[in-house]
Amino acid sequence: MTLYEKLMKNKQSTRWKKVVAENLDLDYCEKFLNLSEATALMDYMENNVQYLDGRLTQVKVFGVYHPIPRQQVAFGDVGVTYKFSGTVIAAQPWPQPVLELKKKISSERGINYNFVLVNRYRNGDDHMGEHRDDEPELDKMIPIASVSLGQTRKFVLKHGDVKKKLRKVENIKLDLHHGSLLFMNWPTNEYWYHSIPKEKAATKVRLNFTFRKIK
């Protein structure tokens, strides 16, 4: 290994945090975007983006529709749609700042993501329940890339066996900060549920971009 390769390896190791457990593999970079980049993107989204309304703000659970406890919008390539919990979201054209973010993420892994779901948490009452991103149209071998902006929130992963009350497995918890990037690598979504719980102390807006590869 050359001196340059050693320096680059060390740079990567200090920039990225690897989180592993049984059938769980995550890569976390706390400062993927610098402060000015993260704040500029946050400002753009807050001032230029209109979130979904009407029927698209609901999900179907056991045959009953419930309001989604956060705001959502989706961007992506022409013709791409995403289906979950009885809801079909068609991707809107990429805004230039979001397209630039996609390119920056792609340069890390060489993955051409074609869809992003944006969740806007207005405060700590907005949340996301325990779930797995296991929709059949997702390429499950491609990691989901999650960028967070604004309010720091707790990201909790729970093993499926815990939900089924089969055995005890320790939860994994991460604080997702302004400008951070998390890669959820295979086979994490096969075995682990993830959530963003309510947090009374979280009083500010959080945005989360989950980039996916739709087949």
N, C-alpha and C. Protein backbone atom coordinates (compact mmCIF):
# COMPACT_ATOMS: atom_id res chain seq x y z
N MET A 1 0.84 -1.19 0.00
CA MET A 1 0.00 0.00 0.00
C MET A 1 0.89 1.26 0.00
N THR A 2 0.60 2.17 -0.94
CA THR A 2 1.38 3.39 -1.03
C THR A 2 1.04 4.34 0.12
N LEU A 3 1.88 5.38 0.31
CA LEU A 3 1.62 6.37 1.35
C LEU A 3 0.30 7.08 1.08
N TYR A 4 0.02 7.39 -0.20
CA TYR A 4 -1.24 8.06 -0.55
C TYR A 4 -2.43 7.19 -0.18
N GLU A 5 -2.35 5.89 -0.49
CA GLU A 5 -3.45 4.98 -0.18
C GLU A 5 -3.66 4.88 1.33
N LYS A 6 -2.57 4.87 2.10
CA LYS A 6 -2.68 4.83 3.55
C LYS A 6 -3.36 6.08 4.09
N LEU A 7 -2.99 7.25 3.53
CA LEU A 7 -3.60 8.50 3.97
C LEU A 7 -5.09 8.54 3.65
N MET A 8 -5.46 8.06 2.46
CA MET A 8 -6.87 8.05 2.06
C MET A 8 -7.66 7.08 2.92
N LYS A 9 -7.08 5.93 3.24
CA LYS A 9 -7.75 4.96 4.09
C LYS A 9 -7.98 5.54 5.48
N ASN A 10 -6.99 6.24 6.00
CA ASN A 10 -7.13 6.86 7.31
C ASN A 10 -8.17 7.96 7.30
N LYS A 11 -8.21 8.73 6.20
CA LYS A 11 -9.20 9.79 6.07
C LYS A 11 -10.61 9.21 6.09
N GLN A 12 -10.81 8.11 5.36
CA GLN A 12 -12.12 7.48 5.33
C GLN A 12 -12.49 6.93 6.69
N SER A 13 -11.53 6.32 7.38
CA SER A 13 -11.84 5.70 8.67
C SER A 13 -12.22 6.72 9.72
N THR A 14 -11.65 7.93 9.64
CA THR A 14 -11.98 8.97 10.61
C THR A 14 -13.27 9.69 10.23
N ARG A 15 -13.62 9.68 8.96
CA ARG A 15 -14.82 10.36 8.50
C ARG A 15 -16.07 9.51 8.71
N TRP A 16 -15.94 8.21 8.50
CA TRP A 16 -17.07 7.30 8.56
C TRP A 16 -17.03 6.43 9.80
N LYS A 17 -18.19 6.19 10.37
CA LYS A 17 -18.34 5.29 11.50
C LYS A 17 -19.08 4.04 11.02
N LYS A 18 -18.48 2.88 11.20
CA LYS A 18 -19.11 1.62 10.84
C LYS A 18 -19.87 1.08 12.05
N VAL A 19 -21.14 0.77 11.86
CA VAL A 19 -21.97 0.19 12.92
C VAL A 19 -22.43 -1.18 12.47
N VAL A 20 -22.04 -2.20 13.21
CA VAL A 20 -22.41 -3.57 12.84
C VAL A 20 -23.00 -4.29 14.04
N ALA A 21 -23.93 -5.19 13.76
CA ALA A 21 -24.51 -6.07 14.76
C ALA A 21 -24.99 -7.31 13.98
N GLU A 22 -25.75 -8.16 14.62
CA GLU A 22 -26.23 -9.36 13.94
C GLU A 22 -27.12 -8.98 12.75
N ASN A 23 -26.65 -9.29 11.53
CA ASN A 23 -27.38 -8.98 10.30
C ASN A 23 -27.69 -7.49 10.15
N LEU A 24 -26.84 -6.64 10.72
CA LEU A 24 -26.99 -5.19 10.59
C LEU A 24 -25.67 -4.60 10.14
N ASP A 25 -25.73 -3.70 9.16
CA ASP A 25 -24.53 -3.07 8.62
C ASP A 25 -24.89 -1.63 8.23
N LEU A 26 -24.30 -0.68 8.95
CA LEU A 26 -24.54 0.74 8.70
C LEU A 26 -23.21 1.47 8.51
N ASP A 27 -23.22 2.51 7.68
CA ASP A 27 -22.10 3.43 7.58
C ASP A 27 -22.64 4.83 7.84
N TYR A 28 -22.03 5.53 8.79
CA TYR A 28 -22.53 6.84 9.20
C TYR A 28 -21.44 7.89 9.12
N CYS A 29 -21.75 8.98 8.42
CA CYS A 29 -20.85 10.13 8.33
C CYS A 29 -21.59 11.33 8.93
N GLU A 30 -21.08 11.82 10.07
CA GLU A 30 -21.79 12.88 10.80
C GLU A 30 -21.76 14.21 10.05
N LYS A 31 -20.71 14.47 9.27
CA LYS A 31 -20.59 15.74 8.57
C LYS A 31 -20.35 15.52 7.09
N PHE A 32 -21.29 14.82 6.45
CA PHE A 32 -21.20 14.59 5.01
C PHE A 32 -21.31 15.91 4.26
N LEU A 33 -22.24 16.76 4.69
CA LEU A 33 -22.35 18.13 4.19
C LEU A 33 -21.77 19.07 5.24
N ASN A 34 -21.00 20.05 4.78
CA ASN A 34 -20.52 21.02 5.76
C ASN A 34 -21.67 21.93 6.17
N LEU A 35 -21.43 22.77 7.17
CA LEU A 35 -22.51 23.57 7.74
C LEU A 35 -23.18 24.47 6.71
N SER A 36 -22.39 25.11 5.86
CA SER A 36 -22.98 26.03 4.87
C SER A 36 -23.79 25.26 3.82
N GLU A 37 -23.28 24.09 3.39
CA GLU A 37 -24.01 23.27 2.42
C GLU A 37 -25.34 22.79 3.00
N ALA A 38 -25.29 22.28 4.22
CA ALA A 38 -26.49 21.75 4.86
C ALA A 38 -27.53 22.84 5.09
N THR A 39 -27.09 23.99 5.55
CA THR A 39 -28.00 25.08 5.85
C THR A 39 -28.61 25.65 4.57
N ALA A 40 -27.81 25.76 3.51
CA ALA A 40 -28.32 26.26 2.23
C ALA A 40 -29.39 25.34 1.66
N LEU A 41 -29.17 24.03 1.75
CA LEU A 41 -30.16 23.07 1.26
C LEU A 41 -31.43 23.12 2.11
N MET A 42 -31.26 23.24 3.40
CA MET A 42 -32.41 23.36 4.31
C MET A 42 -33.23 24.60 3.96
N ASP A 43 -32.56 25.72 3.75
CA ASP A 43 -33.25 26.96 3.40
C ASP A 43 -33.99 26.83 2.08
N TYR A 44 -33.35 26.18 1.10
CA TYR A 44 -34.02 25.98 -0.20
C TYR A 44 -35.30 25.18 -0.03
N MET A 45 -35.21 24.06 0.69
CA MET A 45 -36.37 23.20 0.86
C MET A 45 -37.49 23.92 1.60
N GLU A 46 -37.14 24.70 2.62
CA GLU A 46 -38.15 25.38 3.41
C GLU A 46 -38.85 26.50 2.63
N ASN A 47 -38.18 27.06 1.65
CA ASN A 47 -38.73 28.21 0.94
C ASN A 47 -39.27 27.92 -0.46
N ASN A 48 -39.00 26.72 -0.97
CA ASN A 48 -39.36 26.45 -2.36
C ASN A 48 -40.17 25.18 -2.60
N VAL A 49 -40.31 24.34 -1.60
CA VAL A 49 -40.93 23.03 -1.81
C VAL A 49 -42.32 22.97 -1.19
N GLN A 50 -43.27 22.45 -1.96
CA GLN A 50 -44.62 22.23 -1.45
C GLN A 50 -44.80 20.74 -1.20
N TYR A 51 -45.22 20.39 0.00
CA TYR A 51 -45.37 18.99 0.37
C TYR A 51 -46.73 18.45 -0.04
N LEU A 52 -46.85 17.15 -0.06
CA LEU A 52 -48.06 16.49 -0.54
C LEU A 52 -49.25 16.83 0.35
N ASP A 53 -50.45 16.76 -0.24
CA ASP A 53 -51.66 17.01 0.53
C ASP A 53 -52.75 16.02 0.14
N GLY A 54 -53.90 16.14 0.75
CA GLY A 54 -55.02 15.28 0.42
C GLY A 54 -54.78 13.81 0.76
N ARG A 55 -55.24 12.94 -0.11
CA ARG A 55 -55.16 11.49 0.09
C ARG A 55 -53.72 11.01 0.26
N LEU A 56 -52.78 11.71 -0.36
CA LEU A 56 -51.37 11.29 -0.31
C LEU A 56 -50.74 11.55 1.06
N THR A 57 -51.49 12.13 1.97
CA THR A 57 -50.97 12.35 3.33
C THR A 57 -51.45 11.26 4.28
N GLN A 58 -51.98 10.17 3.73
CA GLN A 58 -52.51 9.09 4.55
C GLN A 58 -51.89 7.75 4.16
N VAL A 59 -51.86 6.82 5.11
CA VAL A 59 -51.42 5.45 4.85
C VAL A 59 -52.51 4.49 5.30
N LYS A 60 -52.53 3.33 4.67
CA LYS A 60 -53.56 2.33 4.96
C LYS A 60 -52.99 1.26 5.88
N VAL A 61 -53.60 1.10 7.06
CA VAL A 61 -53.17 0.11 8.03
C VAL A 61 -54.38 -0.76 8.40
N PHE A 62 -54.28 -2.06 8.08
CA PHE A 62 -55.38 -2.99 8.34
C PHE A 62 -56.71 -2.48 7.78
N GLY A 63 -56.64 -1.95 6.55
CA GLY A 63 -57.83 -1.51 5.85
C GLY A 63 -58.34 -0.13 6.22
N VAL A 64 -57.67 0.54 7.15
CA VAL A 64 -58.12 1.86 7.60
C VAL A 64 -57.03 2.89 7.30
N TYR A 65 -57.45 4.04 6.75
CA TYR A 65 -56.48 5.10 6.43
C TYR A 65 -56.21 5.98 7.64
N HIS A 66 -54.93 6.28 7.84
CA HIS A 66 -54.51 7.13 8.96
C HIS A 66 -53.62 8.24 8.43
N PRO A 67 -53.67 9.44 9.03
CA PRO A 67 -52.79 10.52 8.58
C PRO A 67 -51.33 10.20 8.89
N ILE A 68 -50.45 10.54 7.97
CA ILE A 68 -49.01 10.36 8.18
C ILE A 68 -48.54 11.44 9.15
N PRO A 69 -47.86 11.07 10.24
CA PRO A 69 -47.45 12.06 11.25
C PRO A 69 -46.18 12.82 10.88
N ARG A 70 -46.14 13.33 9.67
CA ARG A 70 -45.04 14.14 9.16
C ARG A 70 -45.44 14.56 7.75
N GLN A 71 -44.70 15.46 7.12
CA GLN A 71 -44.98 15.88 5.75
C GLN A 71 -44.04 15.14 4.79
N GLN A 72 -44.52 14.92 3.56
CA GLN A 72 -43.72 14.17 2.59
C GLN A 72 -43.81 14.77 1.20
N VAL A 73 -42.73 14.54 0.43
CA VAL A 73 -42.70 14.83 -1.00
C VAL A 73 -41.64 13.91 -1.60
N ALA A 74 -41.75 13.64 -2.90
CA ALA A 74 -40.81 12.72 -3.55
C ALA A 74 -40.32 13.30 -4.86
N PHE A 75 -39.05 13.04 -5.17
CA PHE A 75 -38.44 13.46 -6.42
C PHE A 75 -37.75 12.25 -7.05
N GLY A 76 -37.59 12.30 -8.36
CA GLY A 76 -36.91 11.18 -9.00
C GLY A 76 -36.91 11.27 -10.51
N ASP A 77 -36.46 10.20 -11.13
CA ASP A 77 -36.41 10.12 -12.58
C ASP A 77 -37.84 10.02 -13.14
N VAL A 78 -37.98 10.34 -14.42
CA VAL A 78 -39.30 10.34 -15.07
C VAL A 78 -39.94 8.96 -14.99
N GLY A 79 -41.20 8.93 -14.55
CA GLY A 79 -41.96 7.69 -14.52
C GLY A 79 -41.79 6.84 -13.28
N VAL A 80 -40.90 7.23 -12.36
CA VAL A 80 -40.65 6.43 -11.16
C VAL A 80 -41.74 6.70 -10.13
N THR A 81 -42.28 5.63 -9.54
CA THR A 81 -43.26 5.74 -8.45
C THR A 81 -42.82 4.85 -7.30
N TYR A 82 -43.35 5.15 -6.12
CA TYR A 82 -43.01 4.39 -4.91
C TYR A 82 -44.31 4.04 -4.19
N LYS A 83 -44.48 2.78 -3.84
CA LYS A 83 -45.71 2.31 -3.19
C LYS A 83 -45.40 1.84 -1.78
N PHE A 84 -46.21 2.30 -0.82
CA PHE A 84 -46.08 1.81 0.55
C PHE A 84 -47.39 2.02 1.29
N SER A 85 -47.79 1.04 2.07
CA SER A 85 -48.98 1.12 2.94
C SER A 85 -50.21 1.65 2.20
N GLY A 86 -50.45 1.15 1.00
CA GLY A 86 -51.64 1.54 0.25
C GLY A 86 -51.54 2.89 -0.42
N THR A 87 -50.38 3.51 -0.40
CA THR A 87 -50.19 4.82 -1.01
C THR A 87 -49.18 4.74 -2.14
N VAL A 88 -49.49 5.38 -3.25
CA VAL A 88 -48.58 5.44 -4.40
C VAL A 88 -48.14 6.88 -4.59
N ILE A 89 -46.83 7.12 -4.51
CA ILE A 89 -46.29 8.47 -4.68
C ILE A 89 -45.51 8.53 -5.98
N ALA A 90 -45.91 9.42 -6.88
CA ALA A 90 -45.19 9.63 -8.12
C ALA A 90 -44.09 10.66 -7.89
N ALA A 91 -42.92 10.38 -8.45
CA ALA A 91 -41.79 11.28 -8.26
C ALA A 91 -41.96 12.56 -9.07
N GLN A 92 -41.74 13.70 -8.45
CA GLN A 92 -41.68 14.97 -9.14
C GLN A 92 -40.27 15.15 -9.72
N PRO A 93 -40.10 16.02 -10.71
CA PRO A 93 -38.77 16.24 -11.29
C PRO A 93 -37.77 16.69 -10.23
N TRP A 94 -36.52 16.30 -10.40
CA TRP A 94 -35.46 16.66 -9.45
C TRP A 94 -35.26 18.18 -9.39
N PRO A 95 -35.41 18.82 -8.24
CA PRO A 95 -34.94 20.21 -8.10
C PRO A 95 -33.42 20.21 -8.17
N GLN A 96 -32.83 21.24 -8.71
CA GLN A 96 -31.39 21.25 -8.92
C GLN A 96 -30.60 21.00 -7.62
N PRO A 97 -30.94 21.62 -6.49
CA PRO A 97 -30.16 21.35 -5.26
C PRO A 97 -30.25 19.89 -4.80
N VAL A 98 -31.40 19.27 -5.00
CA VAL A 98 -31.55 17.86 -4.60
C VAL A 98 -30.81 16.96 -5.58
N LEU A 99 -30.82 17.33 -6.86
CA LEU A 99 -30.05 16.59 -7.85
C LEU A 99 -28.56 16.66 -7.54
N GLU A 100 -28.09 17.81 -7.11
CA GLU A 100 -26.68 17.95 -6.74
C GLU A 100 -26.35 17.09 -5.53
N LEU A 101 -27.27 17.01 -4.58
CA LEU A 101 -27.07 16.14 -3.42
C LEU A 101 -26.99 14.69 -3.86
N LYS A 102 -27.86 14.29 -4.76
CA LYS A 102 -27.83 12.91 -5.28
C LYS A 102 -26.48 12.60 -5.93
N LYS A 103 -25.97 13.53 -6.70
CA LYS A 103 -24.67 13.32 -7.37
C LYS A 103 -23.55 13.19 -6.34
N LYS A 104 -23.63 13.98 -5.29
CA LYS A 104 -22.60 13.93 -4.24
C LYS A 104 -22.62 12.57 -3.54
N ILE A 105 -23.81 12.06 -3.27
CA ILE A 105 -23.94 10.74 -2.64
C ILE A 105 -23.46 9.65 -3.59
N SER A 106 -23.84 9.78 -4.85
CA SER A 106 -23.44 8.77 -5.84
C SER A 106 -21.93 8.67 -5.96
N SER A 107 -21.25 9.79 -5.76
CA SER A 107 -19.79 9.77 -5.87
C SER A 107 -19.15 8.96 -4.75
N GLU A 108 -19.87 8.76 -3.64
CA GLU A 108 -19.36 7.98 -2.52
C GLU A 108 -19.39 6.48 -2.82
N ARG A 109 -20.45 6.03 -3.49
CA ARG A 109 -20.65 4.59 -3.69
C ARG A 109 -20.76 4.17 -5.16
N GLY A 110 -20.83 5.14 -6.05
CA GLY A 110 -20.98 4.79 -7.46
C GLY A 110 -22.36 4.24 -7.78
N ILE A 111 -23.37 4.66 -7.00
CA ILE A 111 -24.74 4.19 -7.19
C ILE A 111 -25.58 5.33 -7.77
N ASN A 112 -26.29 5.04 -8.86
CA ASN A 112 -27.15 6.05 -9.47
C ASN A 112 -28.56 5.91 -8.92
N TYR A 113 -28.82 6.55 -7.78
CA TYR A 113 -30.16 6.50 -7.20
C TYR A 113 -31.15 7.21 -8.13
N ASN A 114 -32.37 6.66 -8.22
CA ASN A 114 -33.36 7.25 -9.13
C ASN A 114 -34.60 7.78 -8.42
N PHE A 115 -34.56 7.81 -7.07
CA PHE A 115 -35.73 8.25 -6.32
C PHE A 115 -35.30 8.72 -4.93
N VAL A 116 -35.96 9.76 -4.44
CA VAL A 116 -35.74 10.19 -3.05
C VAL A 116 -37.09 10.55 -2.42
N LEU A 117 -37.32 10.05 -1.22
CA LEU A 117 -38.49 10.42 -0.44
C LEU A 117 -38.02 11.40 0.64
N VAL A 118 -38.67 12.55 0.69
CA VAL A 118 -38.31 13.58 1.68
C VAL A 118 -39.38 13.61 2.76
N ASN A 119 -38.97 13.42 4.01
CA ASN A 119 -39.87 13.53 5.15
C ASN A 119 -39.54 14.80 5.93
N ARG A 120 -40.57 15.57 6.23
CA ARG A 120 -40.40 16.80 7.01
C ARG A 120 -41.08 16.63 8.37
N TYR A 121 -40.27 16.66 9.42
CA TYR A 121 -40.76 16.56 10.78
C TYR A 121 -40.88 17.96 11.35
N ARG A 122 -42.11 18.42 11.59
CA ARG A 122 -42.32 19.80 12.01
C ARG A 122 -41.79 20.07 13.42
N ASN A 123 -41.83 19.06 14.26
CA ASN A 123 -41.32 19.14 15.63
C ASN A 123 -41.25 17.72 16.19
N GLY A 124 -41.04 17.61 17.50
CA GLY A 124 -40.88 16.29 18.10
C GLY A 124 -42.12 15.44 18.14
N ASP A 125 -43.29 16.03 17.88
CA ASP A 125 -44.52 15.23 17.81
C ASP A 125 -44.58 14.44 16.51
N ASP A 126 -44.00 14.97 15.44
CA ASP A 126 -43.93 14.22 14.19
C ASP A 126 -42.93 13.08 14.35
N HIS A 127 -43.25 11.95 13.80
CA HIS A 127 -42.43 10.76 14.03
C HIS A 127 -42.62 9.76 12.90
N MET A 128 -41.86 8.66 12.98
CA MET A 128 -42.02 7.55 12.04
C MET A 128 -42.03 6.25 12.84
N GLY A 129 -43.07 5.45 12.65
CA GLY A 129 -43.21 4.20 13.38
C GLY A 129 -42.25 3.13 12.90
N GLU A 130 -42.15 2.06 13.67
CA GLU A 130 -41.26 0.96 13.34
C GLU A 130 -41.68 0.29 12.04
N HIS A 131 -40.73 0.15 11.13
CA HIS A 131 -41.03 -0.47 9.84
C HIS A 131 -39.74 -0.93 9.19
N ARG A 132 -39.88 -1.72 8.14
CA ARG A 132 -38.76 -2.09 7.28
C ARG A 132 -39.05 -1.60 5.87
N ASP A 133 -38.03 -1.12 5.18
CA ASP A 133 -38.19 -0.71 3.78
C ASP A 133 -38.03 -1.96 2.92
N ASP A 134 -39.11 -2.73 2.82
CA ASP A 134 -39.04 -4.02 2.13
C ASP A 134 -39.99 -4.12 0.95
N GLU A 135 -40.34 -2.97 0.38
CA GLU A 135 -41.24 -2.96 -0.77
C GLU A 135 -40.58 -3.69 -1.95
N PRO A 136 -41.34 -4.49 -2.69
CA PRO A 136 -40.76 -5.33 -3.75
C PRO A 136 -40.08 -4.55 -4.88
N GLU A 137 -40.48 -3.29 -5.10
CA GLU A 137 -39.87 -2.53 -6.20
C GLU A 137 -38.49 -1.98 -5.85
N LEU A 138 -38.09 -2.08 -4.57
CA LEU A 138 -36.77 -1.63 -4.17
C LEU A 138 -35.72 -2.69 -4.50
N ASP A 139 -34.58 -2.24 -4.98
CA ASP A 139 -33.44 -3.14 -5.16
C ASP A 139 -32.81 -3.32 -3.78
N LYS A 140 -33.10 -4.44 -3.13
CA LYS A 140 -32.71 -4.62 -1.73
C LYS A 140 -31.21 -4.73 -1.52
N MET A 141 -30.46 -5.00 -2.59
CA MET A 141 -29.01 -5.09 -2.46
C MET A 141 -28.33 -3.73 -2.48
N ILE A 142 -29.08 -2.70 -2.89
CA ILE A 142 -28.54 -1.33 -2.92
C ILE A 142 -28.83 -0.65 -1.59
N PRO A 143 -27.84 -0.08 -0.92
CA PRO A 143 -28.09 0.59 0.36
C PRO A 143 -29.01 1.79 0.20
N ILE A 144 -29.87 2.00 1.19
CA ILE A 144 -30.66 3.22 1.25
C ILE A 144 -29.79 4.31 1.88
N ALA A 145 -29.71 5.44 1.21
CA ALA A 145 -28.87 6.55 1.68
C ALA A 145 -29.77 7.60 2.32
N SER A 146 -29.51 7.93 3.58
CA SER A 146 -30.37 8.82 4.36
C SER A 146 -29.60 10.06 4.80
N VAL A 147 -30.01 11.23 4.29
CA VAL A 147 -29.40 12.50 4.66
C VAL A 147 -30.34 13.26 5.59
N SER A 148 -29.82 13.78 6.70
CA SER A 148 -30.62 14.52 7.66
C SER A 148 -30.21 15.98 7.71
N LEU A 149 -31.20 16.85 7.87
CA LEU A 149 -30.97 18.29 8.01
C LEU A 149 -31.80 18.82 9.17
N GLY A 150 -31.31 19.86 9.82
CA GLY A 150 -32.08 20.50 10.86
C GLY A 150 -31.95 19.82 12.22
N GLN A 151 -33.08 19.72 12.90
CA GLN A 151 -33.13 19.17 14.26
C GLN A 151 -32.52 17.77 14.34
N THR A 152 -31.63 17.55 15.27
CA THR A 152 -31.10 16.22 15.53
C THR A 152 -32.20 15.35 16.12
N ARG A 153 -32.37 14.14 15.56
CA ARG A 153 -33.37 13.20 16.07
C ARG A 153 -32.74 11.83 16.27
N LYS A 154 -33.36 11.06 17.15
CA LYS A 154 -32.88 9.72 17.47
C LYS A 154 -33.41 8.72 16.43
N PHE A 155 -32.50 7.90 15.89
CA PHE A 155 -32.83 6.85 14.93
C PHE A 155 -32.66 5.52 15.67
N VAL A 156 -33.74 4.74 15.75
CA VAL A 156 -33.74 3.51 16.54
C VAL A 156 -33.98 2.30 15.64
N LEU A 157 -33.13 1.29 15.79
CA LEU A 157 -33.30 0.04 15.04
C LEU A 157 -33.61 -1.09 16.03
N LYS A 158 -34.62 -1.89 15.70
CA LYS A 158 -35.05 -3.01 16.55
C LYS A 158 -35.09 -4.29 15.72
N HIS A 159 -34.47 -5.34 16.22
CA HIS A 159 -34.44 -6.61 15.51
C HIS A 159 -35.85 -7.20 15.41
N GLY A 160 -36.13 -7.84 14.28
CA GLY A 160 -37.44 -8.43 14.07
C GLY A 160 -37.82 -9.46 15.12
N ASP A 161 -36.84 -10.18 15.65
CA ASP A 161 -37.14 -11.18 16.69
C ASP A 161 -37.62 -10.53 17.98
N VAL A 162 -37.21 -9.29 18.22
CA VAL A 162 -37.68 -8.56 19.40
C VAL A 162 -39.15 -8.20 19.22
N LYS A 163 -39.51 -7.72 18.03
CA LYS A 163 -40.90 -7.39 17.76
C LYS A 163 -41.79 -8.63 17.89
N LYS A 164 -41.27 -9.78 17.50
CA LYS A 164 -42.03 -11.02 17.61
C LYS A 164 -41.94 -11.64 19.01
N LYS A 165 -41.19 -11.00 19.88
CA LYS A 165 -41.00 -11.45 21.26
C LYS A 165 -40.41 -12.86 21.33
N LEU A 166 -39.48 -13.13 20.41
CA LEU A 166 -38.83 -14.43 20.37
C LEU A 166 -37.59 -14.47 21.26
N ARG A 167 -36.91 -13.34 21.38
CA ARG A 167 -35.69 -13.28 22.18
C ARG A 167 -35.32 -11.82 22.40
N LYS A 168 -34.30 -11.59 23.20
CA LYS A 168 -33.81 -10.25 23.46
C LYS A 168 -32.61 -9.93 22.59
N VAL A 169 -32.67 -8.82 21.90
CA VAL A 169 -31.55 -8.30 21.11
C VAL A 169 -31.49 -6.80 21.40
N GLU A 170 -30.33 -6.29 21.73
CA GLU A 170 -30.20 -4.88 22.08
C GLU A 170 -30.52 -3.98 20.89
N ASN A 171 -31.32 -2.94 21.14
CA ASN A 171 -31.61 -1.95 20.10
C ASN A 171 -30.35 -1.18 19.73
N ILE A 172 -30.31 -0.68 18.50
CA ILE A 172 -29.24 0.19 18.04
C ILE A 172 -29.82 1.60 17.93
N LYS A 173 -29.12 2.59 18.52
CA LYS A 173 -29.60 3.97 18.49
C LYS A 173 -28.51 4.90 17.98
N LEU A 174 -28.90 5.80 17.08
CA LEU A 174 -27.98 6.79 16.54
C LEU A 174 -28.63 8.17 16.57
N ASP A 175 -27.85 9.19 16.88
CA ASP A 175 -28.31 10.57 16.73
C ASP A 175 -27.96 11.03 15.32
N LEU A 176 -28.98 11.40 14.54
CA LEU A 176 -28.77 11.85 13.17
C LEU A 176 -28.71 13.37 13.14
N HIS A 177 -27.54 13.90 12.81
CA HIS A 177 -27.26 15.33 12.93
C HIS A 177 -27.45 16.07 11.59
N HIS A 178 -27.47 17.38 11.68
CA HIS A 178 -27.58 18.30 10.54
C HIS A 178 -26.40 18.06 9.58
N GLY A 179 -26.72 17.63 8.35
CA GLY A 179 -25.68 17.40 7.35
C GLY A 179 -25.13 15.99 7.33
N SER A 180 -25.72 15.08 8.09
CA SER A 180 -25.18 13.71 8.17
C SER A 180 -25.73 12.83 7.05
N LEU A 181 -25.01 11.72 6.82
CA LEU A 181 -25.41 10.72 5.83
C LEU A 181 -25.27 9.34 6.46
N LEU A 182 -26.34 8.54 6.33
CA LEU A 182 -26.35 7.17 6.83
C LEU A 182 -26.65 6.22 5.67
N PHE A 183 -25.79 5.23 5.48
CA PHE A 183 -26.06 4.16 4.52
C PHE A 183 -26.58 2.95 5.28
N MET A 184 -27.78 2.49 4.95
CA MET A 184 -28.31 1.24 5.49
C MET A 184 -28.02 0.15 4.47
N ASN A 185 -27.00 -0.64 4.76
CA ASN A 185 -26.54 -1.66 3.83
C ASN A 185 -27.29 -2.98 4.02
N TRP A 186 -27.31 -3.79 2.95
CA TRP A 186 -27.89 -5.12 3.04
C TRP A 186 -27.07 -5.94 4.04
N PRO A 187 -27.69 -6.80 4.88
CA PRO A 187 -29.11 -7.18 4.89
C PRO A 187 -29.92 -6.49 5.98
N THR A 188 -29.54 -5.28 6.40
CA THR A 188 -30.18 -4.62 7.54
C THR A 188 -31.70 -4.63 7.44
N ASN A 189 -32.24 -4.22 6.28
CA ASN A 189 -33.69 -4.11 6.14
C ASN A 189 -34.40 -5.46 6.11
N GLU A 190 -33.64 -6.53 5.97
CA GLU A 190 -34.23 -7.87 5.98
C GLU A 190 -34.58 -8.30 7.41
N TYR A 191 -33.84 -7.79 8.39
CA TYR A 191 -33.95 -8.29 9.76
C TYR A 191 -34.32 -7.23 10.79
N TRP A 192 -34.06 -5.95 10.50
CA TRP A 192 -34.22 -4.90 11.50
C TRP A 192 -35.31 -3.91 11.09
N TYR A 193 -36.10 -3.49 12.06
CA TYR A 193 -37.06 -2.41 11.89
C TYR A 193 -36.41 -1.11 12.37
N HIS A 194 -36.78 -0.01 11.74
CA HIS A 194 -36.23 1.28 12.18
C HIS A 194 -37.35 2.29 12.38
N SER A 195 -37.07 3.31 13.20
CA SER A 195 -38.08 4.30 13.53
C SER A 195 -37.43 5.61 13.95
N ILE A 196 -38.22 6.67 13.92
CA ILE A 196 -37.87 7.97 14.50
C ILE A 196 -38.95 8.24 15.56
N PRO A 197 -38.66 7.97 16.83
CA PRO A 197 -39.68 8.14 17.88
C PRO A 197 -40.00 9.61 18.14
N LYS A 198 -41.11 9.84 18.82
CA LYS A 198 -41.44 11.19 19.28
C LYS A 198 -40.38 11.66 20.28
N GLU A 199 -40.11 12.96 20.27
CA GLU A 199 -39.17 13.55 21.22
C GLU A 199 -39.69 14.92 21.65
N LYS A 200 -40.12 15.02 22.87
CA LYS A 200 -40.68 16.29 23.37
C LYS A 200 -39.67 17.43 23.28
N ALA A 201 -38.40 17.10 23.48
CA ALA A 201 -37.37 18.15 23.50
C ALA A 201 -37.02 18.66 22.10
N ALA A 202 -37.47 17.96 21.06
CA ALA A 202 -37.17 18.37 19.68
C ALA A 202 -38.21 19.39 19.24
N THR A 203 -37.82 20.64 19.19
CA THR A 203 -38.78 21.72 18.90
C THR A 203 -38.64 22.30 17.49
N LYS A 204 -37.58 21.90 16.77
CA LYS A 204 -37.32 22.48 15.46
C LYS A 204 -37.60 21.49 14.33
N VAL A 205 -37.59 22.01 13.12
CA VAL A 205 -37.88 21.21 11.93
C VAL A 205 -36.70 20.29 11.60
N ARG A 206 -37.01 19.06 11.21
CA ARG A 206 -36.00 18.14 10.68
C ARG A 206 -36.45 17.69 9.29
N LEU A 207 -35.52 17.66 8.35
CA LEU A 207 -35.75 17.10 7.03
C LEU A 207 -34.91 15.84 6.86
N ASN A 208 -35.48 14.84 6.22
CA ASN A 208 -34.74 13.61 5.95
C ASN A 208 -34.97 13.20 4.50
N PHE A 209 -33.87 12.95 3.80
CA PHE A 209 -33.91 12.52 2.39
C PHE A 209 -33.47 11.05 2.36
N THR A 210 -34.35 10.16 1.92
CA THR A 210 -33.95 8.75 1.77
C THR A 210 -33.88 8.41 0.28
N PHE A 211 -32.65 8.27 -0.20
CA PHE A 211 -32.41 7.96 -1.60
C PHE A 211 -32.49 6.46 -1.80
N ARG A 212 -33.23 6.04 -2.84
CA ARG A 212 -33.46 4.63 -3.10
C ARG A 212 -33.26 4.31 -4.57
N LYS A 213 -33.04 3.05 -4.82
CA LYS A 213 -32.95 2.56 -6.20
C LYS A 213 -34.19 1.73 -6.48
N ILE A 214 -35.08 2.27 -7.33
CA ILE A 214 -36.31 1.59 -7.71
C ILE A 214 -36.05 0.78 -8.96
N LYS A 215 -36.48 -0.48 -8.96
CA LYS A 215 -36.26 -1.35 -10.12
C LYS A 215 -37.07 -0.88 -11.32
